[in-house]
N, C-alpha and C. Protein backbone atom coordinates (compact mmCIF):
# COMPACT_ATOMS: atom_id res chain seq x y z
N MET A 1 100.65 81.63 89.61
CA MET A 1 99.87 83.11 89.85
C MET A 1 100.49 84.15 90.37
N LYS A 2 101.30 84.54 89.50
CA LYS A 2 101.47 85.37 88.66
C LYS A 2 100.87 85.86 87.03
N ASN A 3 100.52 85.06 86.68
CA ASN A 3 99.31 85.07 85.29
C ASN A 3 98.29 85.43 85.78
N PHE A 4 97.98 84.55 87.21
CA PHE A 4 96.57 85.26 87.56
C PHE A 4 96.33 86.45 88.00
N ILE A 5 97.49 87.08 88.55
CA ILE A 5 97.85 88.42 88.78
C ILE A 5 97.69 88.93 87.81
N LYS A 6 98.39 89.15 86.53
CA LYS A 6 98.15 89.67 85.08
C LYS A 6 97.04 89.50 84.96
N LYS A 7 95.86 88.44 84.91
CA LYS A 7 94.71 88.87 84.81
C LYS A 7 94.11 89.50 85.12
N ILE A 8 94.42 89.77 86.85
CA ILE A 8 93.63 90.53 87.45
C ILE A 8 93.74 91.87 86.98
N GLY A 9 94.82 92.48 87.22
CA GLY A 9 95.07 93.88 86.48
C GLY A 9 95.12 94.41 85.36
N LEU A 10 94.50 93.42 83.81
CA LEU A 10 94.26 92.84 82.94
C LEU A 10 92.70 93.66 82.78
N VAL A 11 92.25 92.51 83.65
CA VAL A 11 90.16 92.72 84.17
C VAL A 11 90.06 94.41 85.09
N THR A 12 90.94 94.90 85.19
CA THR A 12 90.16 96.15 86.28
C THR A 12 90.96 97.56 85.00
N LEU A 13 91.88 97.11 84.46
CA LEU A 13 91.62 97.68 83.27
C LEU A 13 90.81 97.83 81.85
N ILE A 14 90.17 96.80 81.72
CA ILE A 14 89.38 96.98 80.85
C ILE A 14 88.10 97.32 81.55
N SER A 15 88.17 96.84 82.26
CA SER A 15 86.90 97.43 82.91
C SER A 15 86.34 98.73 83.19
N SER A 16 88.02 99.10 83.20
CA SER A 16 87.47 101.37 84.20
C SER A 16 87.92 101.36 81.50
N GLY A 17 87.82 100.95 80.83
CA GLY A 17 87.94 101.39 79.28
C GLY A 17 89.65 101.03 79.32
N ILE A 18 90.37 102.00 79.96
CA ILE A 18 91.79 101.63 79.35
C ILE A 18 92.52 101.06 78.45
N MET A 19 92.56 99.29 78.85
CA MET A 19 93.60 98.77 78.27
C MET A 19 92.81 98.21 77.65
N ALA A 20 91.17 98.32 76.76
CA ALA A 20 90.15 97.05 76.17
C ALA A 20 91.42 98.04 74.52
N PRO A 21 91.51 98.17 74.30
CA PRO A 21 92.26 98.12 72.51
C PRO A 21 93.53 97.20 72.20
N ILE A 22 93.91 97.71 73.98
CA ILE A 22 95.55 96.57 73.47
C ILE A 22 95.38 95.14 74.25
N TYR A 23 94.27 95.07 74.97
CA TYR A 23 94.35 93.03 75.93
C TYR A 23 93.82 93.08 74.59
N SER A 24 92.88 93.10 73.48
CA SER A 24 92.37 92.80 72.51
C SER A 24 93.43 92.05 71.43
N PHE A 25 94.20 93.19 71.42
CA PHE A 25 95.16 92.37 70.37
C PHE A 25 96.25 91.18 70.95
N ALA A 26 96.10 91.65 72.21
CA ALA A 26 97.21 90.36 73.20
C ALA A 26 95.92 89.14 73.00
N ASP A 27 95.07 89.35 73.57
CA ASP A 27 93.73 88.23 73.43
C ASP A 27 94.40 87.16 72.36
N ASN A 28 94.09 88.32 71.41
CA ASN A 28 93.78 87.31 70.22
C ASN A 28 95.56 86.25 69.73
N SER A 29 96.74 86.99 69.68
CA SER A 29 97.98 85.93 69.63
C SER A 29 97.42 84.84 70.18
N GLN A 30 96.80 84.21 71.12
CA GLN A 30 96.55 83.12 71.15
C GLN A 30 95.95 82.20 70.55
N ASN A 31 95.34 82.69 70.28
CA ASN A 31 94.16 82.42 68.96
C ASN A 31 94.37 82.04 68.28
N ASN A 32 94.96 81.21 67.40
CA ASN A 32 95.50 81.56 65.22
C ASN A 32 94.46 80.87 64.71
N ASP A 33 93.36 80.45 65.59
CA ASP A 33 91.77 79.40 64.21
C ASP A 33 91.68 80.68 63.74
N SER A 34 91.97 80.68 61.76
CA SER A 34 91.52 81.44 60.70
C SER A 34 90.18 81.81 61.09
N SER A 35 89.37 80.87 61.42
CA SER A 35 88.27 80.55 61.04
C SER A 35 86.92 81.98 62.22
N GLN A 36 87.97 82.42 63.23
CA GLN A 36 87.19 82.81 64.26
C GLN A 36 87.12 84.16 63.82
N PRO A 37 86.63 85.11 63.97
CA PRO A 37 86.14 86.20 63.59
C PRO A 37 87.56 87.29 63.96
N SER A 38 87.44 88.10 63.63
CA SER A 38 88.92 88.98 64.18
C SER A 38 88.55 89.88 64.54
N ILE A 39 89.83 90.37 65.88
CA ILE A 39 89.25 91.44 67.77
C ILE A 39 89.08 92.67 66.03
N VAL A 40 89.55 93.01 65.90
CA VAL A 40 90.16 93.88 64.73
C VAL A 40 88.30 94.38 64.09
N ASP A 41 87.73 93.39 63.34
CA ASP A 41 86.79 93.24 63.01
C ASP A 41 85.45 93.27 63.71
N ASN A 42 85.47 92.76 65.59
CA ASN A 42 84.10 92.90 66.03
C ASN A 42 84.47 94.44 66.36
N GLN A 43 85.62 95.25 66.73
CA GLN A 43 85.52 96.52 67.07
C GLN A 43 85.22 97.60 65.85
N SER A 44 85.59 97.24 65.10
CA SER A 44 84.40 97.95 63.46
C SER A 44 84.07 98.32 63.27
N THR A 45 83.21 96.96 63.55
CA THR A 45 81.76 96.73 63.82
C THR A 45 81.36 97.46 64.70
N LYS A 46 81.74 97.17 65.85
CA LYS A 46 80.65 97.86 67.25
C LYS A 46 80.63 99.81 66.51
N PHE A 47 81.61 100.19 66.21
CA PHE A 47 82.43 101.12 66.11
C PHE A 47 81.64 101.97 65.07
N LYS A 48 81.54 101.35 64.27
CA LYS A 48 80.30 102.00 62.79
C LYS A 48 78.80 101.29 63.42
N LEU A 49 78.55 100.83 63.52
CA LEU A 49 77.80 100.24 64.09
C LEU A 49 76.43 101.69 65.33
N SER A 50 77.27 101.43 66.60
CA SER A 50 77.34 102.87 67.88
C SER A 50 77.34 103.92 67.19
N SER A 51 78.16 104.04 65.67
CA SER A 51 78.19 105.76 65.86
C SER A 51 77.19 105.87 64.75
N LYS A 52 76.55 105.06 64.03
CA LYS A 52 75.12 104.32 62.88
C LYS A 52 73.93 104.85 63.92
N LEU A 53 73.81 103.78 64.84
CA LEU A 53 72.45 104.33 66.01
C LEU A 53 72.57 104.97 66.90
N ASN A 54 73.69 105.72 67.14
CA ASN A 54 73.66 107.24 68.30
C ASN A 54 73.07 108.51 67.15
N ASP A 55 73.79 108.47 65.95
CA ASP A 55 72.90 109.51 65.11
C ASP A 55 70.85 109.28 63.96
N MET A 56 71.56 108.17 64.28
CA MET A 56 69.59 107.59 64.15
C MET A 56 68.63 108.32 65.33
N TYR A 57 69.18 108.15 66.47
CA TYR A 57 68.64 108.03 68.12
C TYR A 57 69.13 108.57 68.82
N PRO A 58 69.30 110.12 69.05
CA PRO A 58 70.20 110.53 69.47
C PRO A 58 70.08 110.79 71.30
N ASN A 59 68.51 110.68 71.06
CA ASN A 59 67.58 110.86 73.47
C ASN A 59 67.74 108.82 73.59
N SER A 60 68.67 108.00 72.90
CA SER A 60 68.53 107.09 73.32
C SER A 60 69.84 106.97 73.90
N ASN A 61 69.46 105.04 74.73
CA ASN A 61 70.60 104.76 75.39
C ASN A 61 71.15 103.68 74.81
N ILE A 62 71.56 103.58 73.60
CA ILE A 62 71.77 101.88 72.83
C ILE A 62 73.64 101.79 73.07
N GLU A 63 73.76 100.42 74.17
CA GLU A 63 75.06 99.83 73.54
C GLU A 63 74.75 99.12 72.84
N VAL A 64 76.34 98.18 72.17
CA VAL A 64 76.65 97.60 70.75
C VAL A 64 77.70 97.25 71.97
N THR A 65 77.43 95.43 71.41
CA THR A 65 78.08 94.88 71.43
C THR A 65 78.74 94.02 70.59
N VAL A 66 79.76 93.73 70.27
CA VAL A 66 80.05 92.56 69.38
C VAL A 66 81.34 91.26 69.10
N PHE A 67 80.64 90.06 69.48
CA PHE A 67 81.69 89.08 70.13
C PHE A 67 81.68 88.32 68.82
N ASN A 68 82.29 87.64 68.13
CA ASN A 68 82.36 86.44 67.76
C ASN A 68 81.35 86.30 65.93
N ASN A 69 81.16 88.19 66.09
CA ASN A 69 80.28 88.29 64.52
C ASN A 69 78.42 88.35 65.41
N GLU A 70 77.93 88.34 66.46
CA GLU A 70 77.25 88.29 67.32
C GLU A 70 76.82 89.91 67.76
N VAL A 71 76.09 90.18 67.24
CA VAL A 71 76.07 91.72 68.40
C VAL A 71 75.18 90.95 69.27
N LEU A 72 74.40 91.97 70.19
CA LEU A 72 74.08 92.46 71.63
C LEU A 72 73.09 93.63 71.38
N LEU A 73 72.28 93.83 71.74
CA LEU A 73 72.07 95.01 71.76
C LEU A 73 71.52 95.80 73.00
N THR A 74 71.35 96.35 73.99
CA THR A 74 71.30 96.76 75.32
C THR A 74 71.30 98.30 75.47
N GLY A 75 70.28 98.31 76.83
CA GLY A 75 70.56 99.42 76.93
C GLY A 75 69.24 100.18 77.27
N GLN A 76 68.51 101.51 76.27
CA GLN A 76 67.01 101.81 76.37
C GLN A 76 66.69 102.80 75.26
N VAL A 77 65.44 102.46 74.75
CA VAL A 77 64.51 103.25 73.74
C VAL A 77 63.47 104.30 74.39
N LYS A 78 63.06 105.09 73.87
CA LYS A 78 60.95 105.72 74.48
C LYS A 78 60.87 104.89 73.42
N GLU A 79 60.51 103.98 72.76
CA GLU A 79 59.32 103.64 71.81
C GLU A 79 59.80 101.56 71.24
N PRO A 80 58.80 101.56 71.70
CA PRO A 80 59.24 99.83 70.71
C PRO A 80 59.83 99.65 68.88
N SER A 81 59.12 100.97 68.21
CA SER A 81 59.55 101.01 66.76
C SER A 81 61.14 101.15 67.18
N ILE A 82 61.13 102.05 67.76
CA ILE A 82 62.69 102.21 67.96
C ILE A 82 63.71 100.84 67.70
N LYS A 83 63.22 100.55 68.86
CA LYS A 83 64.10 99.34 69.78
C LYS A 83 63.73 98.14 68.30
N GLN A 84 63.01 97.73 67.53
CA GLN A 84 62.78 97.26 65.54
C GLN A 84 63.52 97.79 65.29
N SER A 85 64.00 98.63 64.73
CA SER A 85 64.42 99.48 63.59
C SER A 85 66.35 99.29 64.12
N ALA A 86 66.56 100.03 65.07
CA ALA A 86 68.01 99.53 65.40
C ALA A 86 68.58 97.44 65.46
N GLY A 87 67.86 97.07 66.04
CA GLY A 87 67.49 95.33 64.96
C GLY A 87 67.91 95.19 64.41
N GLN A 88 66.90 95.79 63.71
CA GLN A 88 66.60 95.57 61.54
C GLN A 88 68.02 96.22 61.18
N VAL A 89 68.79 97.25 61.88
CA VAL A 89 69.93 97.71 61.26
C VAL A 89 71.17 97.47 61.44
N ALA A 90 71.21 96.74 62.83
CA ALA A 90 72.16 95.94 63.25
C ALA A 90 72.53 94.72 61.75
N SER A 91 71.46 93.92 61.55
CA SER A 91 71.58 92.73 60.89
C SER A 91 71.82 92.85 59.43
N THR A 92 72.03 94.20 59.03
CA THR A 92 72.24 94.17 57.90
C THR A 92 73.84 94.37 57.86
N PHE A 93 74.89 95.11 59.00
CA PHE A 93 76.10 94.95 58.67
C PHE A 93 76.80 93.89 58.91
N PRO A 94 78.11 94.18 57.74
CA PRO A 94 78.54 93.00 56.73
C PRO A 94 78.91 92.17 57.49
N ASP A 95 78.47 90.97 58.00
CA ASP A 95 79.62 89.90 58.35
C ASP A 95 79.28 89.64 59.92
N VAL A 96 77.47 90.29 60.12
CA VAL A 96 76.97 89.37 61.75
C VAL A 96 76.75 89.15 61.13
N LYS A 97 76.44 87.83 62.16
CA LYS A 97 76.39 86.91 62.28
C LYS A 97 74.04 86.34 62.26
N SER A 98 74.29 87.02 63.89
CA SER A 98 73.13 87.18 64.64
C SER A 98 73.00 88.29 65.48
N VAL A 99 71.47 88.50 65.83
CA VAL A 99 71.50 90.29 66.81
C VAL A 99 70.85 89.56 67.64
N LYS A 100 70.82 90.04 68.88
CA LYS A 100 70.32 90.34 70.09
C LYS A 100 69.49 91.01 70.56
N ASN A 101 68.61 91.51 70.28
CA ASN A 101 68.13 92.94 70.55
C ASN A 101 67.40 92.80 71.99
N TYR A 102 68.08 93.17 73.09
CA TYR A 102 68.13 93.40 74.96
C TYR A 102 67.53 94.60 74.38
N LEU A 103 67.01 95.30 73.78
CA LEU A 103 66.88 97.10 74.34
C LEU A 103 65.68 97.05 75.03
N THR A 104 65.92 97.51 76.14
CA THR A 104 63.89 98.21 76.52
C THR A 104 64.06 99.30 76.63
N ILE A 105 62.07 99.39 77.19
CA ILE A 105 61.75 100.55 76.22
C ILE A 105 61.02 101.22 77.92
N GLY A 106 62.28 102.53 77.70
CA GLY A 106 61.92 103.08 79.09
C GLY A 106 63.22 104.44 79.11
N LYS A 107 63.37 104.80 80.42
CA LYS A 107 64.19 105.96 80.10
C LYS A 107 65.73 105.89 80.21
N LYS A 108 66.84 106.53 80.05
CA LYS A 108 67.99 105.76 80.29
C LYS A 108 67.96 105.91 81.43
N GLN A 109 69.21 104.63 82.10
CA GLN A 109 69.84 104.42 83.09
C GLN A 109 70.25 105.69 83.78
N THR A 110 70.60 105.90 85.33
CA THR A 110 71.43 106.81 85.70
C THR A 110 72.64 106.38 85.75
N ALA A 111 73.56 107.61 86.06
CA ALA A 111 75.19 107.57 85.87
C ALA A 111 75.59 106.73 87.57
N GLU A 112 74.45 105.84 88.85
CA GLU A 112 75.00 105.71 89.73
C GLU A 112 74.16 103.48 88.80
N VAL A 113 72.94 103.61 88.16
CA VAL A 113 73.26 102.33 88.02
C VAL A 113 74.26 101.71 87.30
N THR A 114 74.68 103.28 86.41
CA THR A 114 75.74 102.58 85.17
C THR A 114 77.33 102.35 86.03
N ARG A 115 77.91 102.89 86.75
CA ARG A 115 79.05 102.38 87.95
C ARG A 115 78.52 101.29 88.31
N SER A 116 77.04 101.18 88.63
CA SER A 116 76.63 99.53 89.56
C SER A 116 77.00 98.49 88.69
N ASP A 117 76.45 98.56 87.43
CA ASP A 117 76.97 97.38 85.99
C ASP A 117 78.09 97.29 85.89
N SER A 118 79.17 98.50 85.93
CA SER A 118 80.42 98.13 85.43
C SER A 118 81.21 97.26 86.12
N LEU A 119 81.08 97.63 87.81
CA LEU A 119 80.77 97.12 89.08
C LEU A 119 80.94 95.73 89.06
N ILE A 120 79.47 95.02 88.74
CA ILE A 120 79.13 93.95 88.09
C ILE A 120 80.17 93.24 87.68
N THR A 121 80.00 93.78 86.05
CA THR A 121 80.93 93.44 85.34
C THR A 121 82.53 92.94 85.44
N THR A 122 83.29 93.84 86.45
CA THR A 122 84.05 93.58 86.88
C THR A 122 84.52 92.57 87.74
N LYS A 123 83.59 92.30 88.63
CA LYS A 123 82.98 91.27 89.79
C LYS A 123 82.55 90.07 89.28
N VAL A 124 82.25 89.73 87.72
CA VAL A 124 82.13 88.53 87.20
C VAL A 124 83.61 87.83 86.53
N ALA A 125 83.70 89.48 85.58
CA ALA A 125 85.04 89.07 85.07
C ALA A 125 86.28 88.18 85.79
N ALA A 126 86.00 88.98 87.39
CA ALA A 126 87.33 88.22 88.30
C ALA A 126 86.74 86.59 89.06
N LYS A 127 85.26 86.08 88.73
CA LYS A 127 84.88 85.07 89.28
C LYS A 127 85.27 84.14 87.52
N LEU A 128 85.13 84.59 86.34
CA LEU A 128 85.19 83.71 85.72
C LEU A 128 86.86 83.42 85.17
N LEU A 129 87.86 83.82 85.70
CA LEU A 129 88.99 84.10 86.31
C LEU A 129 89.54 82.20 87.59
N THR A 130 88.33 82.08 88.07
CA THR A 130 88.75 80.98 89.06
C THR A 130 88.02 79.92 88.97
N ILE A 131 86.73 80.24 87.64
CA ILE A 131 86.08 79.05 87.61
C ILE A 131 86.80 77.68 86.74
N SER A 132 87.51 76.81 87.83
CA SER A 132 87.86 75.96 86.91
C SER A 132 87.49 75.42 85.25
N GLY A 133 88.80 75.01 84.73
CA GLY A 133 88.18 74.79 82.95
C GLY A 133 87.38 75.89 82.39
N VAL A 134 87.45 76.75 82.11
CA VAL A 134 86.84 77.99 81.89
C VAL A 134 87.50 79.00 81.54
N ASP A 135 87.83 79.07 79.80
CA ASP A 135 88.94 79.84 79.34
C ASP A 135 87.72 81.50 79.98
N SER A 136 87.89 82.19 80.38
CA SER A 136 87.44 83.54 81.17
C SER A 136 87.72 84.62 79.56
N ASN A 137 89.07 83.96 78.60
CA ASN A 137 88.86 84.96 77.23
C ASN A 137 87.76 84.48 76.39
N ASP A 138 87.45 83.35 76.49
CA ASP A 138 86.31 83.17 76.10
C ASP A 138 84.81 83.75 75.66
N ILE A 139 84.35 84.16 76.92
CA ILE A 139 83.24 84.92 77.27
C ILE A 139 83.23 86.35 77.61
N LYS A 140 82.32 86.67 76.22
CA LYS A 140 82.03 88.34 77.33
C LYS A 140 81.34 88.32 78.54
N VAL A 141 81.17 89.17 78.75
CA VAL A 141 80.07 89.40 79.33
C VAL A 141 79.74 91.48 79.37
N VAL A 142 78.41 91.85 79.68
CA VAL A 142 77.98 92.70 79.72
C VAL A 142 76.95 92.75 80.84
N THR A 143 76.72 93.81 81.55
CA THR A 143 76.02 94.20 82.27
C THR A 143 75.53 95.77 81.99
N THR A 144 73.81 95.11 82.01
CA THR A 144 73.16 97.10 82.17
C THR A 144 71.72 96.37 82.98
N ASN A 145 72.06 97.68 84.00
CA ASN A 145 71.08 97.47 84.95
C ASN A 145 70.49 96.37 85.68
N HIS A 146 71.42 96.14 86.41
CA HIS A 146 72.24 94.45 86.90
C HIS A 146 71.61 93.16 85.78
N VAL A 147 71.35 93.53 85.00
CA VAL A 147 71.17 91.91 84.14
C VAL A 147 72.61 91.89 83.54
N VAL A 148 73.51 91.11 83.97
CA VAL A 148 74.27 90.41 82.97
C VAL A 148 73.99 89.22 81.74
N TYR A 149 74.30 89.70 80.84
CA TYR A 149 74.42 88.80 79.94
C TYR A 149 75.57 88.42 79.28
N LEU A 150 75.84 86.95 78.79
CA LEU A 150 76.93 86.42 78.51
C LEU A 150 77.12 86.07 77.96
N LEU A 151 78.23 85.92 76.55
CA LEU A 151 78.58 86.13 75.35
C LEU A 151 79.61 84.98 75.28
N GLY A 152 79.30 83.47 74.24
CA GLY A 152 81.07 83.01 73.91
C GLY A 152 80.53 81.60 73.47
N ASP A 153 81.97 81.42 73.30
CA ASP A 153 81.55 79.92 73.20
C ASP A 153 81.88 78.74 73.99
N VAL A 154 81.22 78.08 73.93
CA VAL A 154 81.82 76.71 75.56
C VAL A 154 80.64 75.89 76.08
N THR A 155 81.12 74.82 77.11
CA THR A 155 80.64 73.47 76.91
C THR A 155 79.86 73.13 77.73
N LYS A 156 79.04 72.82 77.51
CA LYS A 156 77.71 72.16 79.09
C LYS A 156 77.94 73.22 79.27
N THR A 157 79.43 72.11 80.75
CA THR A 157 79.54 71.80 81.65
C THR A 157 80.35 73.25 82.53
N GLU A 158 80.67 73.65 80.88
CA GLU A 158 81.58 75.33 80.91
C GLU A 158 80.40 75.96 81.93
N ALA A 159 79.08 76.36 80.30
CA ALA A 159 78.17 76.99 80.91
C ALA A 159 76.84 76.94 81.78
N THR A 160 77.44 75.75 82.23
CA THR A 160 76.76 75.90 83.81
C THR A 160 77.10 76.22 84.40
N ALA A 161 78.89 76.10 85.10
CA ALA A 161 79.21 76.34 86.29
C ALA A 161 78.94 77.75 85.84
N VAL A 162 79.52 78.63 84.87
CA VAL A 162 79.52 80.20 84.59
C VAL A 162 78.38 80.55 85.16
N ILE A 163 77.10 79.89 84.38
CA ILE A 163 75.75 80.55 84.74
C ILE A 163 75.60 80.56 86.91
N ASN A 164 75.87 79.21 87.56
CA ASN A 164 75.43 78.92 88.02
C ASN A 164 76.38 79.75 89.25
N ASN A 165 77.38 80.28 88.71
CA ASN A 165 78.38 81.32 89.92
C ASN A 165 78.54 82.38 89.71
N VAL A 166 77.66 83.44 88.35
CA VAL A 166 77.38 84.81 88.03
C VAL A 166 75.91 84.54 88.67
N LYS A 167 75.18 83.95 89.02
CA LYS A 167 73.86 84.44 89.92
C LYS A 167 74.36 84.56 91.15
N LYS A 168 75.53 84.37 91.49
CA LYS A 168 75.69 83.90 93.27
C LYS A 168 76.03 85.65 93.41
N ILE A 169 76.40 86.14 92.15
CA ILE A 169 76.87 87.32 92.20
C ILE A 169 76.01 88.94 93.05
N ASN A 170 76.29 89.02 94.09
CA ASN A 170 76.17 90.63 94.35
C ASN A 170 75.93 91.55 93.48
N GLY A 171 74.42 91.44 93.69
CA GLY A 171 74.44 92.72 93.35
C GLY A 171 73.01 92.44 91.43
N VAL A 172 73.49 91.34 91.09
CA VAL A 172 72.64 90.59 90.26
C VAL A 172 71.35 90.17 90.19
N LYS A 173 70.71 90.74 89.15
CA LYS A 173 69.11 90.56 89.62
C LYS A 173 68.96 89.13 88.45
N LYS A 174 69.30 89.69 86.82
CA LYS A 174 69.28 88.52 85.80
C LYS A 174 70.81 87.99 85.38
N VAL A 175 70.67 86.73 85.11
CA VAL A 175 71.68 86.33 83.81
C VAL A 175 71.17 86.12 83.13
N VAL A 176 71.68 86.49 82.17
CA VAL A 176 70.77 86.28 79.98
C VAL A 176 72.26 85.75 79.21
N SER A 177 71.57 84.11 79.66
CA SER A 177 72.98 83.11 78.91
C SER A 177 72.91 83.56 77.10
N LEU A 178 73.47 83.87 76.38
CA LEU A 178 72.80 83.58 74.67
C LEU A 178 74.86 83.05 74.83
N LEU A 179 75.05 82.31 75.48
CA LEU A 179 76.53 81.17 75.10
C LEU A 179 76.33 80.03 73.93
N ASN A 180 76.93 80.15 73.39
CA ASN A 180 76.58 78.49 72.36
C ASN A 180 77.55 77.54 72.67
N VAL A 181 76.27 77.07 73.43
CA VAL A 181 76.56 75.71 74.27
C VAL A 181 77.19 74.29 73.27
N THR A 182 78.04 74.15 72.56
CA THR A 182 78.38 72.89 72.39
C THR A 182 78.40 71.33 73.33
N SER A 183 78.75 70.12 72.77
CA SER A 183 78.21 68.64 73.60
C SER A 183 79.46 68.83 74.77
N ASP A 184 79.74 68.38 75.37
CA ASP A 184 81.04 68.39 76.26
C ASP A 184 81.22 66.54 75.43
N SER A 185 83.38 67.16 75.71
CA SER A 185 83.80 65.77 74.70
C SER A 185 84.37 65.42 75.49
């Protein structure tokens, strides 16, 4: 129970952006698999790619997420050509295994929607802590315009449980599973 309370506290701090870097380093200490991309590498790629895209397209709202060297682009751009170009730029970055381009064409989302998305992400992260057999550290949650994107490596059973539970969360319009699913063993 004590560990659960610590995780809830970290989820709250992470979702507010206060402790994301600290949590990332603490979290990485549990995983000694050298084949896994490092949290520092993912953060570095995110920072560099975000900076580049924001410089190239200052009137767009492009959010970059990097998890296990996979890039997720979400947000809003004004034209399809910007969406395509952003995806191409992301694919040229070193160590990027794949790019999932979910940018939408349209106006930037409002601050109210952004706040609501943060709340949804917090609810999803908290829910992941309660799903039996699922390690919440293996899943990255991103919410844009009430659409929840899930990234990570899970078994088929875990994926089914996570998706079914996330769909039930108030405010979620859609769940996009970008999970790498392995067979149950």
